[in-house]
């Protein structure tokens, strides 16, 4: 089981801030594909991955990052400076 967190408009599109997911995914990209195949709301939220950033166990990474043994994956929009 892995804790998946959603922030900002991803949380709004998916309809929840977090969930525990049972997955066989080895990478973030594989996890995203599993989520997209679950329901339309995930497919919509992850339709443009260039607008999504990811952190594994609170470290920024990319979609090719391994998640085996990770406790948490968080998805959020790009940060803007100000």
C-alpha atoms as a PDB file:
ATOM      1  CA  UNK A   1       0.000   0.000   0.000  1.00  0.00           C
ATOM      2  CA  UNK A   2       1.128   3.508  -0.781  1.00  0.00           C
ATOM      3  CA  UNK A   3      -0.337   6.844   0.289  1.00  0.00           C
ATOM      4  CA  UNK A   4      -1.185   9.022  -2.706  1.00  0.00           C
ATOM      5  CA  UNK A   5      -1.713  12.758  -2.125  1.00  0.00           C
ATOM      6  CA  UNK A   6      -3.391  15.203  -4.512  1.00  0.00           C
ATOM      7  CA  UNK A   7      -3.046  18.977  -4.293  1.00  0.00           C
ATOM      8  CA  UNK A   8      -4.779  22.017  -5.822  1.00  0.00           C
ATOM      9  CA  UNK A   9      -6.751  21.343  -9.030  1.00  0.00           C
ATOM     10  CA  UNK A  10      -5.716  17.671  -9.018  1.00  0.00           C
ATOM     11  CA  UNK A  11      -7.495  17.253  -5.671  1.00  0.00           C
ATOM     12  CA  UNK A  12     -10.550  19.031  -7.097  1.00  0.00           C
ATOM     13  CA  UNK A  13     -10.689  16.853 -10.235  1.00  0.00           C
ATOM     14  CA  UNK A  14     -10.158  13.597  -8.369  1.00  0.00           C
ATOM     15  CA  UNK A  15     -12.461  14.603  -5.527  1.00  0.00           C
ATOM     16  CA  UNK A  16     -10.267  13.746  -2.551  1.00  0.00           C
ATOM     17  CA  UNK A  17      -7.029  14.961  -0.981  1.00  0.00           C
ATOM     18  CA  UNK A  18      -5.475  11.520  -0.370  1.00  0.00           C
ATOM     19  CA  UNK A  19      -6.029   7.808  -0.620  1.00  0.00           C
ATOM     20  CA  UNK A  20      -4.231   4.568   0.141  1.00  0.00           C
ATOM     21  CA  UNK A  21      -3.611   2.621  -3.050  1.00  0.00           C
ATOM     22  CA  UNK A  22      -2.656  -0.988  -3.513  1.00  0.00           C
ATOM     23  CA  UNK A  23      -0.384  -1.046  -6.539  1.00  0.00           C
ATOM     24  CA  UNK A  24       1.961  -3.270  -8.484  1.00  0.00           C
ATOM     25  CA  UNK A  25       3.534  -0.217 -10.138  1.00  0.00           C
ATOM     26  CA  UNK A  26       7.319   0.007 -10.114  1.00  0.00           C
ATOM     27  CA  UNK A  27       7.511   3.690 -11.136  1.00  0.00           C
ATOM     28  CA  UNK A  28       5.467   6.862 -10.803  1.00  0.00           C
ATOM     29  CA  UNK A  29       4.504   6.585 -14.486  1.00  0.00           C
ATOM     30  CA  UNK A  30       3.144   3.071 -13.957  1.00  0.00           C
ATOM     31  CA  UNK A  31       1.172   4.276 -10.925  1.00  0.00           C
ATOM     32  CA  UNK A  32      -0.340   7.078 -13.008  1.00  0.00           C
ATOM     33  CA  UNK A  33      -1.380   4.574 -15.688  1.00  0.00           C
ATOM     34  CA  UNK A  34      -3.028   2.373 -13.041  1.00  0.00           C
ATOM     35  CA  UNK A  35      -4.882   5.356 -11.614  1.00  0.00           C
ATOM     36  CA  UNK A  36      -5.994   6.541 -15.070  1.00  0.00           C
ATOM     37  CA  UNK A  37      -7.460   3.123 -15.806  1.00  0.00           C
ATOM     38  CA  UNK A  38      -9.558   3.158 -12.609  1.00  0.00           C
ATOM     39  CA  UNK A  39     -12.060   5.917 -13.396  1.00  0.00           C
ATOM     40  CA  UNK A  40     -12.595   8.820 -15.762  1.00  0.00           C
ATOM     41  CA  UNK A  41     -11.821  11.411 -13.061  1.00  0.00           C
ATOM     42  CA  UNK A  42      -8.232  10.124 -12.825  1.00  0.00           C
ATOM     43  CA  UNK A  43      -7.874  10.066 -16.606  1.00  0.00           C
ATOM     44  CA  UNK A  44      -8.993  13.703 -16.719  1.00  0.00           C
ATOM     45  CA  UNK A  45      -6.716  14.776 -13.864  1.00  0.00           C
ATOM     46  CA  UNK A  46      -3.663  13.116 -15.429  1.00  0.00           C
ATOM     47  CA  UNK A  47      -4.449  13.913 -19.080  1.00  0.00           C
ATOM     48  CA  UNK A  48      -1.603  16.463 -19.358  1.00  0.00           C
ATOM     49  CA  UNK A  49       1.386  15.299 -17.340  1.00  0.00           C
ATOM     50  CA  UNK A  50       3.389  18.368 -18.372  1.00  0.00           C
ATOM     51  CA  UNK A  51       1.115  20.265 -15.937  1.00  0.00           C
ATOM     52  CA  UNK A  52       1.792  17.871 -13.045  1.00  0.00           C
ATOM     53  CA  UNK A  53       4.759  17.609 -10.700  1.00  0.00           C
ATOM     54  CA  UNK A  54       5.487  14.673  -8.424  1.00  0.00           C
ATOM     55  CA  UNK A  55       7.275  13.979  -5.157  1.00  0.00           C
ATOM     56  CA  UNK A  56       8.117  10.547  -3.761  1.00  0.00           C
ATOM     57  CA  UNK A  57       8.511  10.491   0.022  1.00  0.00           C
ATOM     58  CA  UNK A  58       8.588  14.312  -0.061  1.00  0.00           C
ATOM     59  CA  UNK A  59      11.418  14.575  -2.599  1.00  0.00           C
ATOM     60  CA  UNK A  60      10.753  16.181  -5.978  1.00  0.00           C
ATOM     61  CA  UNK A  61      11.343  13.731  -8.783  1.00  0.00           C
ATOM     62  CA  UNK A  62      10.038  12.778 -12.216  1.00  0.00           C
ATOM     63  CA  UNK A  63       7.625  10.188 -13.564  1.00  0.00           C
ATOM     64  CA  UNK A  64      10.372   7.624 -14.191  1.00  0.00           C
ATOM     65  CA  UNK A  65      11.227   7.513 -10.465  1.00  0.00           C
ATOM     66  CA  UNK A  66      10.910   4.152  -8.708  1.00  0.00           C
ATOM     67  CA  UNK A  67       8.218   3.826  -6.045  1.00  0.00           C
ATOM     68  CA  UNK A  68       8.995   0.332  -4.746  1.00  0.00           C
ATOM     69  CA  UNK A  69       9.308   0.704  -0.979  1.00  0.00           C
ATOM     70  CA  UNK A  70       8.044   4.310  -0.999  1.00  0.00           C
ATOM     71  CA  UNK A  71       5.472   5.350   1.587  1.00  0.00           C
ATOM     72  CA  UNK A  72       4.036   8.377  -0.228  1.00  0.00           C
ATOM     73  CA  UNK A  73       3.579   9.836  -3.703  1.00  0.00           C
ATOM     74  CA  UNK A  74       2.269  13.380  -4.058  1.00  0.00           C
ATOM     75  CA  UNK A  75       0.942  15.016  -7.215  1.00  0.00           C
ATOM     76  CA  UNK A  76       0.629  18.805  -7.572  1.00  0.00           C
ATOM     77  CA  UNK A  77       0.733  21.565 -10.186  1.00  0.00           C
ATOM     78  CA  UNK A  78       4.007  23.387 -10.899  1.00  0.00           C
ATOM     79  CA  UNK A  79       4.951  25.943  -8.282  1.00  0.00           C
ATOM     80  CA  UNK A  80       5.053  29.582  -9.290  1.00  0.00           C
ATOM     81  CA  UNK A  81       7.392  32.110  -7.731  1.00  0.00           C
ATOM     82  CA  UNK A  82       6.298  35.453  -6.491  1.00  0.00           C
END
